[in-house]
Amino acid sequence: MAEEHKDQEFVEYIVRGIVNHPEDVKVERTVDEMGVLLTLHVNPEDMGYVIGRQGQTARSIRTLLKIVGAKSNARVNLKIYEPEGSRRAHSEEGRSRSTETSAEPDTSVLDDLKI
């Protein structure tokens, strides 16, 4: 691959190393006035591996990618493609869970406590 596509190669290499379906990893590269945008496509089953706990893995990949881009004086951003509706299901789930927990706490364990 050409020198200017090292950023794309880098993302593909890193992500293929952490997913269960490396054959499904695809990175699209577009360049505009804002810089380079890499759009990462992975198997939906691998989304958790790429994002990581609280987004740590994705954040780390983005940090390393900025360093790779800086070496060639390019502003590089990474977008992780999420199929339509995938994020909505998670956020609705989270909302219903948070409303359950914000209700009165379960103190039944303390009822039989002898102090």
PDB file of N, CA and C in Angstrom:
ATOM      1  N   MET A   1       0.834  -1.189   0.000  1.00  0.00           N
ATOM      2  CA  MET A   1       0.000   0.000   0.000  1.00  0.00           C
ATOM      3  C   MET A   1       0.877   1.250   0.000  1.00  0.00           C
ATOM      4  N   ALA A   2       0.344   2.307  -0.519  1.00  0.00           N
ATOM      5  CA  ALA A   2       1.109   3.552  -0.605  1.00  0.00           C
ATOM      6  C   ALA A   2       1.376   4.119   0.784  1.00  0.00           C
ATOM      7  N   GLU A   3       2.392   4.951   0.879  1.00  0.00           N
ATOM      8  CA  GLU A   3       2.801   5.553   2.148  1.00  0.00           C
ATOM      9  C   GLU A   3       1.644   6.281   2.835  1.00  0.00           C
ATOM     10  N   GLU A   4       0.826   6.978   2.035  1.00  0.00           N
ATOM     11  CA  GLU A   4      -0.242   7.776   2.640  1.00  0.00           C
ATOM     12  C   GLU A   4      -1.379   6.933   3.210  1.00  0.00           C
ATOM     13  N   HIS A   5      -1.388   5.633   2.936  1.00  0.00           N
ATOM     14  CA  HIS A   5      -2.455   4.780   3.452  1.00  0.00           C
ATOM     15  C   HIS A   5      -2.008   3.942   4.646  1.00  0.00           C
ATOM     16  N   LYS A   6      -0.908   4.331   5.268  1.00  0.00           N
ATOM     17  CA  LYS A   6      -0.427   3.605   6.444  1.00  0.00           C
ATOM     18  C   LYS A   6      -1.452   3.643   7.569  1.00  0.00           C
ATOM     19  N   ASP A   7      -2.203   4.743   7.666  1.00  0.00           N
ATOM     20  CA  ASP A   7      -3.225   4.857   8.696  1.00  0.00           C
ATOM     21  C   ASP A   7      -4.291   3.768   8.530  1.00  0.00           C
ATOM     22  N   GLN A   8      -4.707   3.542   7.302  1.00  0.00           N
ATOM     23  CA  GLN A   8      -5.719   2.523   7.014  1.00  0.00           C
ATOM     24  C   GLN A   8      -5.173   1.122   7.314  1.00  0.00           C
ATOM     25  N   GLU A   9      -3.951   0.875   6.878  1.00  0.00           N
ATOM     26  CA  GLU A   9      -3.286  -0.409   7.146  1.00  0.00           C
ATOM     27  C   GLU A   9      -3.187  -0.655   8.645  1.00  0.00           C
ATOM     28  N   PHE A  10      -2.818   0.372   9.380  1.00  0.00           N
ATOM     29  CA  PHE A  10      -2.639   0.277  10.824  1.00  0.00           C
ATOM     30  C   PHE A  10      -3.945  -0.149  11.511  1.00  0.00           C
ATOM     31  N   VAL A  11      -5.044   0.529  11.177  1.00  0.00           N
ATOM     32  CA  VAL A  11      -6.338   0.207  11.795  1.00  0.00           C
ATOM     33  C   VAL A  11      -6.750  -1.221  11.464  1.00  0.00           C
ATOM     34  N   GLU A  12      -6.601  -1.598  10.188  1.00  0.00           N
ATOM     35  CA  GLU A  12      -6.972  -2.960   9.790  1.00  0.00           C
ATOM     36  C   GLU A  12      -6.162  -3.987  10.576  1.00  0.00           C
ATOM     37  N   TYR A  13      -4.865  -3.756  10.705  1.00  0.00           N
ATOM     38  CA  TYR A  13      -3.989  -4.693  11.412  1.00  0.00           C
ATOM     39  C   TYR A  13      -4.389  -4.830  12.879  1.00  0.00           C
ATOM     40  N   ILE A  14      -4.570  -3.697  13.561  1.00  0.00           N
ATOM     41  CA  ILE A  14      -4.924  -3.704  14.987  1.00  0.00           C
ATOM     42  C   ILE A  14      -6.263  -4.397  15.210  1.00  0.00           C
ATOM     43  N   VAL A  15      -7.266  -3.997  14.444  1.00  0.00           N
ATOM     44  CA  VAL A  15      -8.619  -4.519  14.662  1.00  0.00           C
ATOM     45  C   VAL A  15      -8.700  -6.008  14.320  1.00  0.00           C
ATOM     46  N   ARG A  16      -8.047  -6.423  13.248  1.00  0.00           N
ATOM     47  CA  ARG A  16      -8.065  -7.853  12.896  1.00  0.00           C
ATOM     48  C   ARG A  16      -7.452  -8.703  14.009  1.00  0.00           C
ATOM     49  N   GLY A  17      -6.553  -8.120  14.762  1.00  0.00           N
ATOM     50  CA  GLY A  17      -5.915  -8.841  15.856  1.00  0.00           C
ATOM     51  C   GLY A  17      -6.786  -9.010  17.092  1.00  0.00           C
ATOM     52  N   ILE A  18      -7.858  -8.228  17.222  1.00  0.00           N
ATOM     53  CA  ILE A  18      -8.672  -8.303  18.439  1.00  0.00           C
ATOM     54  C   ILE A  18     -10.084  -8.850  18.229  1.00  0.00           C
ATOM     55  N   VAL A  19     -10.484  -9.093  16.983  1.00  0.00           N
ATOM     56  CA  VAL A  19     -11.849  -9.577  16.727  1.00  0.00           C
ATOM     57  C   VAL A  19     -11.869 -11.077  16.436  1.00  0.00           C
ATOM     58  N   ASN A  20     -13.054 -11.655  16.495  1.00  0.00           N
ATOM     59  CA  ASN A  20     -13.225 -13.077  16.186  1.00  0.00           C
ATOM     60  C   ASN A  20     -13.462 -13.331  14.698  1.00  0.00           C
ATOM     61  N   HIS A  21     -13.841 -12.296  13.964  1.00  0.00           N
ATOM     62  CA  HIS A  21     -14.120 -12.415  12.531  1.00  0.00           C
ATOM     63  C   HIS A  21     -13.241 -11.443  11.738  1.00  0.00           C
ATOM     64  N   PRO A  22     -11.923 -11.696  11.694  1.00  0.00           N
ATOM     65  CA  PRO A  22     -11.017 -10.747  11.027  1.00  0.00           C
ATOM     66  C   PRO A  22     -11.315 -10.582   9.539  1.00  0.00           C
ATOM     67  N   GLU A  23     -11.920 -11.584   8.937  1.00  0.00           N
ATOM     68  CA  GLU A  23     -12.243 -11.498   7.513  1.00  0.00           C
ATOM     69  C   GLU A  23     -13.334 -10.457   7.228  1.00  0.00           C
ATOM     70  N   ASP A  24     -14.099 -10.063   8.252  1.00  0.00           N
ATOM     71  CA  ASP A  24     -15.166  -9.072   8.080  1.00  0.00           C
ATOM     72  C   ASP A  24     -14.701  -7.637   8.317  1.00  0.00           C
ATOM     73  N   VAL A  25     -13.443  -7.455   8.706  1.00  0.00           N
ATOM     74  CA  VAL A  25     -12.928  -6.112   8.985  1.00  0.00           C
ATOM     75  C   VAL A  25     -12.677  -5.389   7.662  1.00  0.00           C
ATOM     76  N   LYS A  26     -13.273  -4.197   7.548  1.00  0.00           N
ATOM     77  CA  LYS A  26     -13.094  -3.398   6.340  1.00  0.00           C
ATOM     78  C   LYS A  26     -12.957  -1.940   6.768  1.00  0.00           C
ATOM     79  N   VAL A  27     -11.994  -1.244   6.185  1.00  0.00           N
ATOM     80  CA  VAL A  27     -11.787   0.168   6.509  1.00  0.00           C
ATOM     81  C   VAL A  27     -11.892   0.985   5.230  1.00  0.00           C
ATOM     82  N   GLU A  28     -12.830   1.932   5.218  1.00  0.00           N
ATOM     83  CA  GLU A  28     -12.985   2.846   4.083  1.00  0.00           C
ATOM     84  C   GLU A  28     -12.243   4.128   4.432  1.00  0.00           C
ATOM     85  N   ARG A  29     -11.536   4.668   3.460  1.00  0.00           N
ATOM     86  CA  ARG A  29     -10.733   5.879   3.686  1.00  0.00           C
ATOM     87  C   ARG A  29     -11.230   6.987   2.782  1.00  0.00           C
ATOM     88  N   THR A  30     -11.603   8.116   3.384  1.00  0.00           N
ATOM     89  CA  THR A  30     -11.999   9.288   2.600  1.00  0.00           C
ATOM     90  C   THR A  30     -11.194  10.488   3.085  1.00  0.00           C
ATOM     91  N   VAL A  31     -10.885  11.378   2.150  1.00  0.00           N
ATOM     92  CA  VAL A  31     -10.113  12.580   2.467  1.00  0.00           C
ATOM     93  C   VAL A  31     -10.921  13.794   2.046  1.00  0.00           C
ATOM     94  N   ASP A  32     -11.023  14.774   2.946  1.00  0.00           N
ATOM     95  CA  ASP A  32     -11.682  16.038   2.601  1.00  0.00           C
ATOM     96  C   ASP A  32     -10.939  17.184   3.282  1.00  0.00           C
ATOM     97  N   GLU A  33     -11.554  18.361   3.318  1.00  0.00           N
ATOM     98  CA  GLU A  33     -10.877  19.519   3.893  1.00  0.00           C
ATOM     99  C   GLU A  33     -10.627  19.374   5.395  1.00  0.00           C
ATOM    100  N   MET A  34     -11.347  18.479   6.058  1.00  0.00           N
ATOM    101  CA  MET A  34     -11.171  18.250   7.495  1.00  0.00           C
ATOM    102  C   MET A  34     -10.019  17.285   7.776  1.00  0.00           C
ATOM    103  N   GLY A  35      -9.598  16.542   6.779  1.00  0.00           N
ATOM    104  CA  GLY A  35      -8.526  15.568   6.960  1.00  0.00           C
ATOM    105  C   GLY A  35      -8.952  14.200   6.459  1.00  0.00           C
ATOM    106  N   VAL A  36      -8.426  13.181   7.093  1.00  0.00           N
ATOM    107  CA  VAL A  36      -8.703  11.800   6.694  1.00  0.00           C
ATOM    108  C   VAL A  36      -9.759  11.221   7.625  1.00  0.00           C
ATOM    109  N   LEU A  37     -10.752  10.559   7.039  1.00  0.00           N
ATOM    110  CA  LEU A  37     -11.757   9.865   7.834  1.00  0.00           C
ATOM    111  C   LEU A  37     -11.689   8.390   7.485  1.00  0.00           C
ATOM    112  N   LEU A  38     -11.433   7.572   8.493  1.00  0.00           N
ATOM    113  CA  LEU A  38     -11.431   6.129   8.315  1.00  0.00           C
ATOM    114  C   LEU A  38     -12.724   5.602   8.928  1.00  0.00           C
ATOM    115  N   THR A  39     -13.503   4.882   8.137  1.00  0.00           N
ATOM    116  CA  THR A  39     -14.735   4.290   8.633  1.00  0.00           C
ATOM    117  C   THR A  39     -14.515   2.797   8.768  1.00  0.00           C
ATOM    118  N   LEU A  40     -14.648   2.309   9.983  1.00  0.00           N
ATOM    119  CA  LEU A  40     -14.382   0.911  10.296  1.00  0.00           C
ATOM    120  C   LEU A  40     -15.670   0.102  10.302  1.00  0.00           C
ATOM    121  N   HIS A  41     -15.665  -0.981   9.542  1.00  0.00           N
ATOM    122  CA  HIS A  41     -16.792  -1.913   9.510  1.00  0.00           C
ATOM    123  C   HIS A  41     -16.314  -3.238  10.099  1.00  0.00           C
ATOM    124  N   VAL A  42     -17.052  -3.763  11.075  1.00  0.00           N
ATOM    125  CA  VAL A  42     -16.721  -5.066  11.660  1.00  0.00           C
ATOM    126  C   VAL A  42     -17.996  -5.888  11.773  1.00  0.00           C
ATOM    127  N   ASN A  43     -17.818  -7.179  11.993  1.00  0.00           N
ATOM    128  CA  ASN A  43     -18.949  -8.061  12.233  1.00  0.00           C
ATOM    129  C   ASN A  43     -19.663  -7.562  13.496  1.00  0.00           C
ATOM    130  N   PRO A  44     -21.001  -7.476  13.486  1.00  0.00           N
ATOM    131  CA  PRO A  44     -21.727  -6.981  14.658  1.00  0.00           C
ATOM    132  C   PRO A  44     -21.379  -7.714  15.957  1.00  0.00           C
ATOM    133  N   GLU A  45     -21.035  -8.994  15.854  1.00  0.00           N
ATOM    134  CA  GLU A  45     -20.652  -9.760  17.045  1.00  0.00           C
ATOM    135  C   GLU A  45     -19.347  -9.249  17.655  1.00  0.00           C
ATOM    136  N   ASP A  46     -18.520  -8.583  16.856  1.00  0.00           N
ATOM    137  CA  ASP A  46     -17.215  -8.100  17.314  1.00  0.00           C
ATOM    138  C   ASP A  46     -17.239  -6.657  17.806  1.00  0.00           C
ATOM    139  N   MET A  47     -18.388  -6.010  17.747  1.00  0.00           N
ATOM    140  CA  MET A  47     -18.481  -4.596  18.110  1.00  0.00           C
ATOM    141  C   MET A  47     -17.973  -4.342  19.536  1.00  0.00           C
ATOM    142  N   GLY A  48     -18.291  -5.214  20.460  1.00  0.00           N
ATOM    143  CA  GLY A  48     -17.859  -5.049  21.846  1.00  0.00           C
ATOM    144  C   GLY A  48     -16.348  -5.091  22.000  1.00  0.00           C
ATOM    145  N   TYR A  49     -15.689  -5.944  21.207  1.00  0.00           N
ATOM    146  CA  TYR A  49     -14.227  -6.038  21.274  1.00  0.00           C
ATOM    147  C   TYR A  49     -13.586  -4.743  20.776  1.00  0.00           C
ATOM    148  N   VAL A  50     -14.168  -4.156  19.748  1.00  0.00           N
ATOM    149  CA  VAL A  50     -13.599  -2.953  19.145  1.00  0.00           C
ATOM    150  C   VAL A  50     -13.833  -1.734  20.039  1.00  0.00           C
ATOM    151  N   ILE A  51     -15.007  -1.653  20.637  1.00  0.00           N
ATOM    152  CA  ILE A  51     -15.322  -0.502  21.481  1.00  0.00           C
ATOM    153  C   ILE A  51     -14.695  -0.655  22.863  1.00  0.00           C
ATOM    154  N   GLY A  52     -14.781  -1.837  23.448  1.00  0.00           N
ATOM    155  CA  GLY A  52     -14.184  -2.077  24.761  1.00  0.00           C
ATOM    156  C   GLY A  52     -15.016  -1.509  25.888  1.00  0.00           C
ATOM    157  N   ARG A  53     -14.589  -1.787  27.101  1.00  0.00           N
ATOM    158  CA  ARG A  53     -15.316  -1.277  28.271  1.00  0.00           C
ATOM    159  C   ARG A  53     -15.269   0.234  28.308  1.00  0.00           C
ATOM    160  N   GLN A  54     -16.442   0.818  28.385  1.00  0.00           N
ATOM    161  CA  GLN A  54     -16.592   2.279  28.437  1.00  0.00           C
ATOM    162  C   GLN A  54     -15.836   2.962  27.296  1.00  0.00           C
ATOM    163  N   GLY A  55     -15.700   2.267  26.173  1.00  0.00           N
ATOM    164  CA  GLY A  55     -15.079   2.858  24.993  1.00  0.00           C
ATOM    165  C   GLY A  55     -13.564   2.929  25.040  1.00  0.00           C
ATOM    166  N   GLN A  56     -12.951   2.238  26.000  1.00  0.00           N
ATOM    167  CA  GLN A  56     -11.492   2.346  26.168  1.00  0.00           C
ATOM    168  C   GLN A  56     -10.707   1.863  24.953  1.00  0.00           C
ATOM    169  N   THR A  57     -11.113   0.738  24.370  1.00  0.00           N
ATOM    170  CA  THR A  57     -10.360   0.203  23.238  1.00  0.00           C
ATOM    171  C   THR A  57     -10.455   1.144  22.046  1.00  0.00           C
ATOM    172  N   ALA A  58     -11.670   1.611  21.738  1.00  0.00           N
ATOM    173  CA  ALA A  58     -11.848   2.545  20.626  1.00  0.00           C
ATOM    174  C   ALA A  58     -11.043   3.821  20.859  1.00  0.00           C
ATOM    175  N   ARG A  59     -11.058   4.311  22.079  1.00  0.00           N
ATOM    176  CA  ARG A  59     -10.317   5.533  22.407  1.00  0.00           C
ATOM    177  C   ARG A  59      -8.814   5.315  22.211  1.00  0.00           C
ATOM    178  N   SER A  60      -8.333   4.145  22.619  1.00  0.00           N
ATOM    179  CA  SER A  60      -6.908   3.833  22.460  1.00  0.00           C
ATOM    180  C   SER A  60      -6.508   3.739  20.996  1.00  0.00           C
ATOM    181  N   ILE A  61      -7.348   3.090  20.196  1.00  0.00           N
ATOM    182  CA  ILE A  61      -7.064   2.987  18.753  1.00  0.00           C
ATOM    183  C   ILE A  61      -7.015   4.383  18.145  1.00  0.00           C
ATOM    184  N   ARG A  62      -7.958   5.245  18.533  1.00  0.00           N
ATOM    185  CA  ARG A  62      -7.990   6.615  17.999  1.00  0.00           C
ATOM    186  C   ARG A  62      -6.737   7.393  18.400  1.00  0.00           C
ATOM    187  N   THR A  63      -6.292   7.214  19.634  1.00  0.00           N
ATOM    188  CA  THR A  63      -5.090   7.904  20.102  1.00  0.00           C
ATOM    189  C   THR A  63      -3.872   7.480  19.288  1.00  0.00           C
ATOM    190  N   LEU A  64      -3.701   6.173  19.119  1.00  0.00           N
ATOM    191  CA  LEU A  64      -2.573   5.668  18.329  1.00  0.00           C
ATOM    192  C   LEU A  64      -2.674   6.128  16.878  1.00  0.00           C
ATOM    193  N   LEU A  65      -3.886   6.171  16.357  1.00  0.00           N
ATOM    194  CA  LEU A  65      -4.105   6.590  14.973  1.00  0.00           C
ATOM    195  C   LEU A  65      -3.712   8.053  14.777  1.00  0.00           C
ATOM    196  N   LYS A  66      -3.965   8.887  15.757  1.00  0.00           N
ATOM    197  CA  LYS A  66      -3.568  10.301  15.668  1.00  0.00           C
ATOM    198  C   LYS A  66      -2.044  10.418  15.571  1.00  0.00           C
ATOM    199  N   ILE A  67      -1.339   9.539  16.296  1.00  0.00           N
ATOM    200  CA  ILE A  67       0.127   9.541  16.247  1.00  0.00           C
ATOM    201  C   ILE A  67       0.604   9.104  14.867  1.00  0.00           C
ATOM    202  N   VAL A  68      -0.012   8.052  14.322  1.00  0.00           N
ATOM    203  CA  VAL A  68       0.342   7.578  12.980  1.00  0.00           C
ATOM    204  C   VAL A  68       0.093   8.696  11.963  1.00  0.00           C
ATOM    205  N   GLY A  69      -1.036   9.388  12.099  1.00  0.00           N
ATOM    206  CA  GLY A  69      -1.363  10.494  11.193  1.00  0.00           C
ATOM    207  C   GLY A  69      -0.400  11.651  11.332  1.00  0.00           C
ATOM    208  N   ALA A  70      -0.012  11.953  12.562  1.00  0.00           N
ATOM    209  CA  ALA A  70       0.891  13.084  12.813  1.00  0.00           C
ATOM    210  C   ALA A  70       2.237  12.878  12.129  1.00  0.00           C
ATOM    211  N   LYS A  71       2.665  11.618  12.011  1.00  0.00           N
ATOM    212  CA  LYS A  71       3.940  11.338  11.341  1.00  0.00           C
ATOM    213  C   LYS A  71       3.924  11.776   9.883  1.00  0.00           C
ATOM    214  N   SER A  72       2.729  11.777   9.278  1.00  0.00           N
ATOM    215  CA  SER A  72       2.632  12.210   7.880  1.00  0.00           C
ATOM    216  C   SER A  72       1.862  13.525   7.764  1.00  0.00           C
ATOM    217  N   ASN A  73       1.847  14.292   8.868  1.00  0.00           N
ATOM    218  CA  ASN A  73       1.165  15.591   8.916  1.00  0.00           C
ATOM    219  C   ASN A  73      -0.281  15.531   8.446  1.00  0.00           C
ATOM    220  N   ALA A  74      -0.996  14.493   8.855  1.00  0.00           N
ATOM    221  CA  ALA A  74      -2.398  14.351   8.476  1.00  0.00           C
ATOM    222  C   ALA A  74      -3.266  14.290   9.722  1.00  0.00           C
ATOM    223  N   ARG A  75      -4.440  14.874   9.609  1.00  0.00           N
ATOM    224  CA  ARG A  75      -5.419  14.796  10.698  1.00  0.00           C
ATOM    225  C   ARG A  75      -6.300  13.585  10.395  1.00  0.00           C
ATOM    226  N   VAL A  76      -6.208  12.555  11.239  1.00  0.00           N
ATOM    227  CA  VAL A  76      -6.909  11.294  10.975  1.00  0.00           C
ATOM    228  C   VAL A  76      -7.956  11.046  12.055  1.00  0.00           C
ATOM    229  N   ASN A  77      -9.181  10.756  11.621  1.00  0.00           N
ATOM    230  CA  ASN A  77     -10.265  10.434  12.539  1.00  0.00           C
ATOM    231  C   ASN A  77     -10.810   9.054  12.216  1.00  0.00           C
ATOM    232  N   LEU A  78     -11.298   8.367  13.244  1.00  0.00           N
ATOM    233  CA  LEU A  78     -11.856   7.024  13.081  1.00  0.00           C
ATOM    234  C   LEU A  78     -13.323   7.035  13.453  1.00  0.00           C
ATOM    235  N   LYS A  79     -14.134   6.528  12.537  1.00  0.00           N
ATOM    236  CA  LYS A  79     -15.559   6.381  12.788  1.00  0.00           C
ATOM    237  C   LYS A  79     -15.849   4.885  12.768  1.00  0.00           C
ATOM    238  N   ILE A  80     -16.511   4.393  13.810  1.00  0.00           N
ATOM    239  CA  ILE A  80     -16.875   2.982  13.853  1.00  0.00           C
ATOM    240  C   ILE A  80     -18.314   2.877  13.375  1.00  0.00           C
ATOM    241  N   TYR A  81     -18.490   2.203  12.254  1.00  0.00           N
ATOM    242  CA  TYR A  81     -19.813   2.086  11.651  1.00  0.00           C
ATOM    243  C   TYR A  81     -20.699   1.198  12.504  1.00  0.00           C
ATOM    244  N   GLU A  82     -21.881   1.708  12.853  1.00  0.00           N
ATOM    245  CA  GLU A  82     -22.867   0.911  13.575  1.00  0.00           C
ATOM    246  C   GLU A  82     -24.106   0.810  12.702  1.00  0.00           C
ATOM    247  N   PRO A  83     -24.557  -0.413  12.432  1.00  0.00           N
ATOM    248  CA  PRO A  83     -25.762  -0.571  11.610  1.00  0.00           C
ATOM    249  C   PRO A  83     -26.938   0.164  12.239  1.00  0.00           C
ATOM    250  N   GLU A  84     -27.862   0.629  11.422  1.00  0.00           N
ATOM    251  CA  GLU A  84     -29.032   1.374  11.879  1.00  0.00           C
ATOM    252  C   GLU A  84     -29.776   0.602  12.965  1.00  0.00           C
ATOM    253  N   GLY A  85     -30.054   1.288  14.076  1.00  0.00           N
ATOM    254  CA  GLY A  85     -30.843   0.681  15.141  1.00  0.00           C
ATOM    255  C   GLY A  85     -30.026  -0.029  16.209  1.00  0.00           C
ATOM    256  N   SER A  86     -28.765  -0.333  15.960  1.00  0.00           N
ATOM    257  CA  SER A  86     -27.987  -1.087  16.948  1.00  0.00           C
ATOM    258  C   SER A  86     -27.749  -0.270  18.214  1.00  0.00           C
ATOM    259  N   ARG A  87     -27.442   1.005  18.065  1.00  0.00           N
ATOM    260  CA  ARG A  87     -27.165   1.856  19.228  1.00  0.00           C
ATOM    261  C   ARG A  87     -28.454   2.166  19.979  1.00  0.00           C
ATOM    262  N   ARG A  88     -29.552   2.368  19.240  1.00  0.00           N
ATOM    263  CA  ARG A  88     -30.826   2.718  19.847  1.00  0.00           C
ATOM    264  C   ARG A  88     -31.265   1.639  20.833  1.00  0.00           C
ATOM    265  N   ALA A  89     -31.110   0.367  20.455  1.00  0.00           N
ATOM    266  CA  ALA A  89     -31.525  -0.730  21.326  1.00  0.00           C
ATOM    267  C   ALA A  89     -30.752  -0.690  22.635  1.00  0.00           C
ATOM    268  N   HIS A  90     -29.440  -0.399  22.552  1.00  0.00           N
ATOM    269  CA  HIS A  90     -28.621  -0.348  23.762  1.00  0.00           C
ATOM    270  C   HIS A  90     -29.027   0.816  24.649  1.00  0.00           C
ATOM    271  N   SER A  91     -29.273   1.984  24.069  1.00  0.00           N
ATOM    272  CA  SER A  91     -29.571   3.151  24.888  1.00  0.00           C
ATOM    273  C   SER A  91     -30.949   3.024  25.531  1.00  0.00           C
ATOM    274  N   GLU A  92     -31.917   2.403  24.829  1.00  0.00           N
ATOM    275  CA  GLU A  92     -33.232   2.193  25.424  1.00  0.00           C
ATOM    276  C   GLU A  92     -33.133   1.200  26.565  1.00  0.00           C
ATOM    277  N   GLU A  93     -32.325   0.155  26.367  1.00  0.00           N
ATOM    278  CA  GLU A  93     -32.101  -0.832  27.416  1.00  0.00           C
ATOM    279  C   GLU A  93     -31.525  -0.153  28.646  1.00  0.00           C
ATOM    280  N   GLY A  94     -30.515   0.677  28.426  1.00  0.00           N
ATOM    281  CA  GLY A  94     -29.866   1.383  29.516  1.00  0.00           C
ATOM    282  C   GLY A  94     -30.829   2.294  30.248  1.00  0.00           C
ATOM    283  N   ARG A  95     -31.713   2.963  29.491  1.00  0.00           N
ATOM    284  CA  ARG A  95     -32.676   3.862  30.104  1.00  0.00           C
ATOM    285  C   ARG A  95     -33.639   3.101  30.996  1.00  0.00           C
ATOM    286  N   SER A  96     -34.164   1.965  30.515  1.00  0.00           N
ATOM    287  CA  SER A  96     -35.123   1.228  31.324  1.00  0.00           C
ATOM    288  C   SER A  96     -34.445   0.670  32.569  1.00  0.00           C
ATOM    289  N   ARG A  97     -33.203   0.254  32.436  1.00  0.00           N
ATOM    290  CA  ARG A  97     -32.472  -0.271  33.580  1.00  0.00           C
ATOM    291  C   ARG A  97     -32.228   0.837  34.606  1.00  0.00           C
ATOM    292  N   SER A  98     -31.877   2.036  34.126  1.00  0.00           N
ATOM    293  CA  SER A  98     -31.582   3.117  35.048  1.00  0.00           C
ATOM    294  C   SER A  98     -32.833   3.590  35.768  1.00  0.00           C
ATOM    295  N   THR A  99     -34.012   3.509  35.122  1.00  0.00           N
ATOM    296  CA  THR A  99     -35.232   3.909  35.809  1.00  0.00           C
ATOM    297  C   THR A  99     -35.601   2.899  36.871  1.00  0.00           C
ATOM    298  N   GLU A 100     -35.299   1.617  36.608  1.00  0.00           N
ATOM    299  CA  GLU A 100     -35.563   0.593  37.612  1.00  0.00           C
ATOM    300  C   GLU A 100     -34.702   0.835  38.843  1.00  0.00           C
ATOM    301  N   THR A 101     -33.444   1.139  38.638  1.00  0.00           N
ATOM    302  CA  THR A 101     -32.534   1.315  39.767  1.00  0.00           C
ATOM    303  C   THR A 101     -32.783   2.628  40.496  1.00  0.00           C
ATOM    304  N   SER A 102     -33.368   3.608  39.823  1.00  0.00           N
ATOM    305  CA  SER A 102     -33.612   4.876  40.491  1.00  0.00           C
ATOM    306  C   SER A 102     -34.857   4.811  41.364  1.00  0.00           C
ATOM    307  N   ALA A 103     -35.655   3.744  41.218  1.00  0.00           N
ATOM    308  CA  ALA A 103     -36.808   3.561  42.091  1.00  0.00           C
ATOM    309  C   ALA A 103     -36.302   3.222  43.484  1.00  0.00           C
ATOM    310  N   GLU A 104     -37.226   2.983  44.390  1.00  0.00           N
ATOM    311  CA  GLU A 104     -36.829   2.698  45.767  1.00  0.00           C
ATOM    312  C   GLU A 104     -35.924   1.472  45.850  1.00  0.00           C
ATOM    313  N   PRO A 105     -34.815   1.542  46.585  1.00  0.00           N
ATOM    314  CA  PRO A 105     -33.890   0.406  46.663  1.00  0.00           C
ATOM    315  C   PRO A 105     -34.511  -0.769  47.414  1.00  0.00           C
ATOM    316  N   ASP A 106     -34.073  -1.969  47.065  1.00  0.00           N
ATOM    317  CA  ASP A 106     -34.560  -3.184  47.710  1.00  0.00           C
ATOM    318  C   ASP A 106     -33.848  -3.354  49.049  1.00  0.00           C
ATOM    319  N   THR A 107     -34.564  -3.229  50.127  1.00  0.00           N
ATOM    320  CA  THR A 107     -33.968  -3.337  51.467  1.00  0.00           C
ATOM    321  C   THR A 107     -34.395  -4.623  52.168  1.00  0.00           C
ATOM    322  N   SER A 108     -34.967  -5.565  51.425  1.00  0.00           N
ATOM    323  CA  SER A 108     -35.462  -6.800  52.035  1.00  0.00           C
ATOM    324  C   SER A 108     -34.365  -7.586  52.744  1.00  0.00           C
ATOM    325  N   VAL A 109     -33.129  -7.459  52.315  1.00  0.00           N
ATOM    326  CA  VAL A 109     -32.027  -8.168  52.941  1.00  0.00           C
ATOM    327  C   VAL A 109     -31.827  -7.664  54.378  1.00  0.00           C
ATOM    328  N   LEU A 110     -32.086  -6.408  54.601  1.00  0.00           N
ATOM    329  CA  LEU A 110     -31.863  -5.808  55.918  1.00  0.00           C
ATOM    330  C   LEU A 110     -32.980  -6.099  56.908  1.00  0.00           C
ATOM    331  N   ASP A 111     -34.147  -6.597  56.448  1.00  0.00           N
ATOM    332  CA  ASP A 111     -35.284  -6.836  57.319  1.00  0.00           C
ATOM    333  C   ASP A 111     -34.979  -7.830  58.427  1.00  0.00           C
ATOM    334  N   ASP A 112     -34.219  -8.881  58.145  1.00  0.00           N
ATOM    335  CA  ASP A 112     -33.934  -9.913  59.136  1.00  0.00           C
ATOM    336  C   ASP A 112     -32.618  -9.676  59.889  1.00  0.00           C
ATOM    337  N   LEU A 113     -32.023  -8.531  59.665  1.00  0.00           N
ATOM    338  CA  LEU A 113     -30.756  -8.206  60.293  1.00  0.00           C
ATOM    339  C   LEU A 113     -30.953  -7.911  61.784  1.00  0.00           C
ATOM    340  N   LYS A 114     -30.198  -8.596  62.646  1.00  0.00           N
ATOM    341  CA  LYS A 114     -30.308  -8.370  64.088  1.00  0.00           C
ATOM    342  C   LYS A 114     -29.100  -7.563  64.552  1.00  0.00           C
ATOM    343  N   ILE A 115     -29.346  -6.339  64.946  1.00  0.00           N
ATOM    344  CA  ILE A 115     -28.255  -5.461  65.356  1.00  0.00           C
ATOM    345  C   ILE A 115     -28.356  -5.187  66.832  1.00  0.00           C
TER     346      ILE A 115
END
